[in-house]
């Protein structure tokens, strides 16, 4: 958010626009490095391992322009398209407050990811394809990085367009992509697909079709797959599960564990720093919520 003139990461309950979008950043390292070693890979790692979100927020737009300039020379490079989609989605989901700007950036992210899917895997017109044909296409895919970036970009788009029921209806396609990622490589991006599926399962209470226990299982599995280093998993457990069930004891215990943890971890320092900021905000709000 913007408080005065200072840019800060978002915190508090935001459905899909949570710190899970910062998980997207870790995908940049793999996809950019294939196309532009070693500079882009080094830049990505510098972002992921930075412990000051405000510095990152100020720097990322320049990085976005850099990727756009690289795409001018290689407009049909799936790796660059996925990298740009990843960073657009992560930036918009965490650091952009204006709703219209967020919509534009998320739409661009999904468009870039869609172009990559079309070029690399003949996945064209995936949003308009009849669902059975879409599902059949997903079942044939073998690249978890492509599917994960497409899914996370799509999830960000849906969040930004949550006032459009046509966009919300596309969550079924996002879920199908994430479930395929789990089949191909459950540990991809520190178990990031589990985080997204956990959020999807806790969007609504049980009476309205939510699956909180399934969501909790996803968050706990992501925590385990990250070797207990991905603090976002614990923040989501508190925010999405404990708050839904009004479990104050679990909520506070998990968030205190997040704040006591060392945020420094390869590829997760920035995400963990933001997770700790969210944990502090959730604890400060707990008396009003419970």
Protein backbone atom coordinates (compact mmCIF):
# COMPACT_ATOMS: atom_id res chain seq x y z
CA UNK A 1 0.00 0.00 0.00
CA UNK A 2 0.95 3.63 -0.18
CA UNK A 3 1.03 5.33 3.20
CA UNK A 4 1.93 8.95 2.62
CA UNK A 5 4.79 8.72 0.16
CA UNK A 6 6.09 5.33 1.29
CA UNK A 7 5.39 2.21 -0.72
CA UNK A 8 4.71 -0.84 1.38
CA UNK A 9 3.65 -4.40 0.58
CA UNK A 10 0.02 -5.27 1.11
CA UNK A 11 -1.03 -7.13 4.22
CA UNK A 12 -4.22 -8.42 5.74
CA UNK A 13 -6.83 -10.74 4.21
CA UNK A 14 -6.85 -10.24 0.42
CA UNK A 15 -7.97 -13.69 -0.89
CA UNK A 16 -5.60 -14.43 -3.78
CA UNK A 17 -3.67 -11.16 -3.55
CA UNK A 18 -1.58 -12.44 -0.68
CA UNK A 19 2.06 -13.01 -0.22
CA UNK A 20 1.58 -16.13 -2.31
CA UNK A 21 2.05 -13.91 -5.33
CA UNK A 22 5.56 -13.23 -4.13
CA UNK A 23 6.22 -16.91 -4.58
CA UNK A 24 5.99 -16.12 -8.30
CA UNK A 25 9.26 -14.26 -8.10
CA UNK A 26 11.20 -17.43 -7.51
CA UNK A 27 10.07 -18.68 -10.89
CA UNK A 28 11.95 -15.88 -12.60
CA UNK A 29 15.33 -17.36 -11.82
CA UNK A 30 14.67 -20.55 -13.72
CA UNK A 31 12.93 -19.12 -16.76
CA UNK A 32 15.12 -16.04 -17.24
CA UNK A 33 18.35 -17.89 -16.78
CA UNK A 34 17.55 -20.12 -19.73
CA UNK A 35 17.24 -17.07 -21.94
CA UNK A 36 19.67 -14.46 -20.64
CA UNK A 37 22.38 -16.00 -18.44
CA UNK A 38 23.92 -14.74 -16.27
CA UNK A 39 22.79 -11.13 -15.76
CA UNK A 40 19.05 -11.70 -15.47
CA UNK A 41 19.53 -14.69 -13.20
CA UNK A 42 21.74 -12.64 -10.89
CA UNK A 43 19.19 -9.81 -10.84
CA UNK A 44 16.42 -12.21 -9.95
CA UNK A 45 18.41 -13.78 -7.13
CA UNK A 46 19.22 -10.31 -5.80
CA UNK A 47 15.48 -9.57 -5.64
CA UNK A 48 14.57 -12.87 -4.02
CA UNK A 49 17.26 -12.56 -1.37
CA UNK A 50 16.68 -8.88 -0.53
CA UNK A 51 15.33 -8.07 2.93
CA UNK A 52 13.86 -4.62 2.22
CA UNK A 53 10.54 -4.80 0.31
CA UNK A 54 10.45 -1.04 -0.25
CA UNK A 55 13.76 -1.14 -2.11
CA UNK A 56 12.44 -4.00 -4.23
CA UNK A 57 9.20 -2.12 -4.89
CA UNK A 58 11.19 0.83 -6.21
CA UNK A 59 13.49 -1.35 -8.32
CA UNK A 60 11.12 -3.86 -9.90
CA UNK A 61 9.53 -1.46 -12.45
CA UNK A 62 12.97 -0.95 -13.97
CA UNK A 63 13.37 -4.70 -14.19
CA UNK A 64 9.99 -4.94 -15.93
CA UNK A 65 11.12 -2.46 -18.55
CA UNK A 66 14.35 -4.44 -18.97
CA UNK A 67 12.38 -7.60 -19.70
CA UNK A 68 10.19 -5.71 -22.16
CA UNK A 69 13.30 -4.50 -23.96
CA UNK A 70 14.59 -8.07 -24.20
CA UNK A 71 11.23 -9.16 -25.60
CA UNK A 72 11.55 -6.56 -28.34
CA UNK A 73 14.46 -8.59 -29.68
CA UNK A 74 12.95 -12.01 -28.98
CA UNK A 75 9.14 -11.66 -28.96
CA UNK A 76 8.59 -15.40 -29.36
CA UNK A 77 10.91 -16.58 -26.58
CA UNK A 78 8.73 -18.55 -24.12
CA UNK A 79 11.30 -18.17 -21.34
CA UNK A 80 11.29 -14.39 -21.52
CA UNK A 81 7.50 -14.32 -21.82
CA UNK A 82 7.14 -16.42 -18.68
CA UNK A 83 9.69 -14.31 -16.82
CA UNK A 84 7.87 -11.11 -17.68
CA UNK A 85 4.50 -12.63 -16.75
CA UNK A 86 5.92 -13.76 -13.42
CA UNK A 87 7.30 -10.40 -12.44
CA UNK A 88 4.28 -8.40 -13.65
CA UNK A 89 2.00 -10.61 -11.55
CA UNK A 90 4.17 -10.50 -8.44
CA UNK A 91 4.63 -6.73 -8.62
CA UNK A 92 0.95 -6.01 -9.21
CA UNK A 93 -0.17 -8.41 -6.49
CA UNK A 94 2.09 -7.03 -3.79
CA UNK A 95 2.92 -3.42 -4.51
CA UNK A 96 0.19 -1.83 -6.63
CA UNK A 97 -2.67 -0.18 -4.80
CA UNK A 98 -4.64 1.45 -7.64
CA UNK A 99 -7.29 -1.07 -8.80
CA UNK A 100 -7.25 -0.03 -12.44
CA UNK A 101 -3.47 -0.17 -12.66
CA UNK A 102 -3.54 -3.57 -10.96
CA UNK A 103 -6.03 -4.83 -13.52
CA UNK A 104 -3.82 -3.65 -16.39
CA UNK A 105 -0.70 -5.27 -14.99
CA UNK A 106 -2.42 -8.56 -14.18
CA UNK A 107 -4.03 -8.63 -17.62
CA UNK A 108 -0.60 -8.14 -19.17
CA UNK A 109 0.84 -10.92 -17.00
CA UNK A 110 -1.86 -13.37 -18.06
CA UNK A 111 -1.47 -12.34 -21.69
CA UNK A 112 2.28 -12.96 -21.59
CA UNK A 113 1.85 -16.33 -19.89
CA UNK A 114 -0.81 -17.26 -22.45
CA UNK A 115 1.54 -16.37 -25.31
CA UNK A 116 4.22 -18.59 -23.79
CA UNK A 117 1.77 -21.49 -23.47
CA UNK A 118 0.69 -21.02 -27.06
CA UNK A 119 4.25 -20.95 -28.39
CA UNK A 120 5.73 -23.66 -26.21
CA UNK A 121 2.85 -26.08 -25.80
CA UNK A 122 0.19 -25.28 -28.42
CA UNK A 123 -1.98 -23.98 -25.59
CA UNK A 124 -3.73 -21.21 -27.49
CA UNK A 125 -7.11 -19.71 -26.57
CA UNK A 126 -7.07 -21.49 -23.22
CA UNK A 127 -9.56 -19.09 -21.66
CA UNK A 128 -12.20 -19.67 -24.33
CA UNK A 129 -11.53 -23.36 -25.01
CA UNK A 130 -14.40 -25.61 -23.86
CA UNK A 131 -13.44 -26.95 -20.45
CA UNK A 132 -13.15 -30.64 -21.44
CA UNK A 133 -10.66 -29.71 -24.16
CA UNK A 134 -8.80 -27.43 -21.78
CA UNK A 135 -8.64 -30.23 -19.21
CA UNK A 136 -7.34 -32.65 -21.85
CA UNK A 137 -4.60 -30.18 -22.81
CA UNK A 138 -3.55 -29.77 -19.18
CA UNK A 139 -3.33 -33.53 -18.74
CA UNK A 140 -0.82 -33.79 -21.58
CA UNK A 141 1.58 -31.16 -20.26
CA UNK A 142 4.96 -32.08 -18.79
CA UNK A 143 6.49 -28.67 -17.93
CA UNK A 144 5.61 -27.64 -14.35
CA UNK A 145 7.29 -24.24 -14.70
CA UNK A 146 5.08 -23.23 -17.62
CA UNK A 147 1.90 -24.48 -15.93
CA UNK A 148 2.81 -22.86 -12.61
CA UNK A 149 3.49 -19.47 -14.14
CA UNK A 150 0.29 -19.64 -16.19
CA UNK A 151 -1.70 -20.62 -13.09
CA UNK A 152 -0.27 -17.96 -10.80
CA UNK A 153 -0.63 -15.24 -13.41
CA UNK A 154 -4.21 -16.35 -13.97
CA UNK A 155 -4.94 -16.37 -10.23
CA UNK A 156 -3.65 -12.80 -9.96
CA UNK A 157 -5.84 -11.77 -12.88
CA UNK A 158 -8.91 -13.27 -11.23
CA UNK A 159 -8.15 -11.50 -7.96
CA UNK A 160 -7.75 -8.17 -9.71
CA UNK A 161 -11.03 -8.76 -11.58
CA UNK A 162 -12.96 -10.24 -8.65
CA UNK A 163 -15.89 -7.95 -9.52
CA UNK A 164 -16.32 -9.86 -12.80
CA UNK A 165 -18.06 -13.20 -12.34
CA UNK A 166 -16.79 -14.38 -15.71
CA UNK A 167 -13.24 -14.03 -14.42
CA UNK A 168 -14.08 -15.70 -11.09
CA UNK A 169 -15.53 -18.65 -13.00
CA UNK A 170 -12.07 -19.24 -14.47
CA UNK A 171 -10.74 -20.37 -11.08
CA UNK A 172 -11.64 -23.93 -12.05
CA UNK A 173 -9.01 -23.70 -14.78
CA UNK A 174 -6.47 -22.27 -12.37
CA UNK A 175 -7.11 -25.19 -10.03
CA UNK A 176 -6.65 -27.72 -12.84
CA UNK A 177 -3.28 -26.21 -13.75
CA UNK A 178 -2.09 -26.25 -10.14
CA UNK A 179 -3.18 -29.83 -9.60
CA UNK A 180 -1.20 -30.86 -12.68
CA UNK A 181 1.85 -29.11 -11.24
CA UNK A 182 1.53 -31.25 -8.14
CA UNK A 183 1.46 -34.38 -10.28
CA UNK A 184 4.56 -33.31 -12.22
CA UNK A 185 6.64 -31.83 -9.39
CA UNK A 186 5.03 -31.30 -6.01
CA UNK A 187 8.06 -29.43 -4.72
CA UNK A 188 8.21 -26.93 -7.59
CA UNK A 189 8.95 -23.44 -6.23
CA UNK A 190 9.04 -24.59 -2.61
CA UNK A 191 5.61 -26.22 -2.92
CA UNK A 192 4.03 -23.04 -4.27
CA UNK A 193 1.15 -24.87 -5.95
CA UNK A 194 0.05 -26.07 -2.51
CA UNK A 195 -0.12 -22.46 -1.29
CA UNK A 196 -2.42 -21.45 -4.12
CA UNK A 197 -4.62 -24.52 -3.76
CA UNK A 198 -4.81 -23.85 -0.03
CA UNK A 199 -6.07 -20.35 -0.70
CA UNK A 200 -8.62 -21.65 -3.21
CA UNK A 201 -9.89 -24.15 -0.66
CA UNK A 202 -10.35 -21.44 1.98
CA UNK A 203 -12.03 -18.77 -0.12
CA UNK A 204 -15.39 -19.68 1.43
CA UNK A 205 -16.59 -21.29 4.69
CA UNK A 206 -17.70 -24.93 4.63
CA UNK A 207 -21.38 -23.96 4.40
CA UNK A 208 -20.66 -22.24 1.10
CA UNK A 209 -18.49 -24.97 -0.36
CA UNK A 210 -15.15 -24.15 1.23
CA UNK A 211 -12.76 -26.92 2.22
CA UNK A 212 -10.79 -25.53 5.17
CA UNK A 213 -9.25 -28.84 6.23
CA UNK A 214 -8.01 -29.46 2.70
CA UNK A 215 -6.64 -25.93 2.71
CA UNK A 216 -4.80 -26.56 5.97
CA UNK A 217 -3.28 -29.71 4.51
CA UNK A 218 -2.00 -27.75 1.51
CA UNK A 219 -0.42 -25.06 3.69
CA UNK A 220 1.24 -27.65 5.93
CA UNK A 221 2.51 -29.60 2.95
CA UNK A 222 4.05 -26.47 1.44
CA UNK A 223 5.74 -25.79 4.78
CA UNK A 224 7.21 -29.29 4.80
CA UNK A 225 8.33 -29.14 1.16
CA UNK A 226 10.18 -25.88 1.84
CA UNK A 227 12.08 -27.63 4.64
CA UNK A 228 10.19 -25.40 7.07
CA UNK A 229 11.64 -22.20 5.66
CA UNK A 230 8.71 -20.71 3.68
CA UNK A 231 7.04 -18.46 6.27
CA UNK A 232 4.24 -17.52 3.87
CA UNK A 233 2.78 -21.00 4.40
CA UNK A 234 2.34 -20.32 8.12
CA UNK A 235 0.91 -16.84 7.58
CA UNK A 236 -1.67 -18.31 5.22
CA UNK A 237 -2.48 -21.05 7.73
CA UNK A 238 -3.27 -18.38 10.30
CA UNK A 239 -5.05 -15.98 7.97
CA UNK A 240 -7.02 -18.36 5.80
CA UNK A 241 -7.63 -21.33 8.12
CA UNK A 242 -7.40 -20.24 11.76
CA UNK A 243 -9.41 -17.08 11.17
CA UNK A 244 -12.08 -18.93 9.21
CA UNK A 245 -12.56 -21.37 12.12
CA UNK A 246 -12.08 -18.66 14.79
CA UNK A 247 -9.18 -20.58 16.29
CA UNK A 248 -7.43 -17.78 18.16
CA UNK A 249 -4.95 -20.09 19.88
CA UNK A 250 -3.67 -21.57 16.61
CA UNK A 251 -3.72 -18.16 14.92
CA UNK A 252 -1.53 -16.46 17.50
CA UNK A 253 0.78 -19.42 18.00
CA UNK A 254 1.55 -19.75 14.29
CA UNK A 255 2.10 -16.03 13.79
CA UNK A 256 4.41 -15.80 16.79
CA UNK A 257 6.44 -18.66 15.30
CA UNK A 258 6.70 -16.68 12.07
CA UNK A 259 8.00 -13.63 13.91
CA UNK A 260 10.54 -15.69 15.85
CA UNK A 261 11.89 -17.37 12.72
CA UNK A 262 14.98 -16.30 10.79
CA UNK A 263 13.68 -14.83 7.49
CA UNK A 264 16.99 -15.39 5.70
CA UNK A 265 16.70 -18.37 3.34
CA UNK A 266 17.99 -18.84 -0.22
CA UNK A 267 15.33 -17.68 -2.65
CA UNK A 268 12.85 -16.90 0.15
CA UNK A 269 14.26 -13.93 2.07
CA UNK A 270 12.04 -11.32 0.42
CA UNK A 271 8.91 -13.48 0.69
CA UNK A 272 9.71 -14.24 4.33
CA UNK A 273 10.30 -10.58 5.16
CA UNK A 274 6.89 -9.72 3.74
CA UNK A 275 5.37 -12.69 5.56
CA UNK A 276 6.70 -11.35 8.87
CA UNK A 277 5.23 -7.91 8.13
CA UNK A 278 1.88 -9.59 7.48
CA UNK A 279 2.18 -11.63 10.67
CA UNK A 280 2.67 -8.47 12.71
CA UNK A 281 -0.37 -6.87 11.07
CA UNK A 282 -2.55 -9.93 11.69
CA UNK A 283 -1.54 -10.12 15.34
CA UNK A 284 -2.19 -6.43 15.83
CA UNK A 285 -5.68 -6.91 14.38
CA UNK A 286 -6.47 -10.12 16.27
CA UNK A 287 -8.42 -8.53 19.13
CA UNK A 288 -10.74 -6.86 16.63
CA UNK A 289 -11.22 -10.03 14.60
CA UNK A 290 -11.77 -12.66 17.31
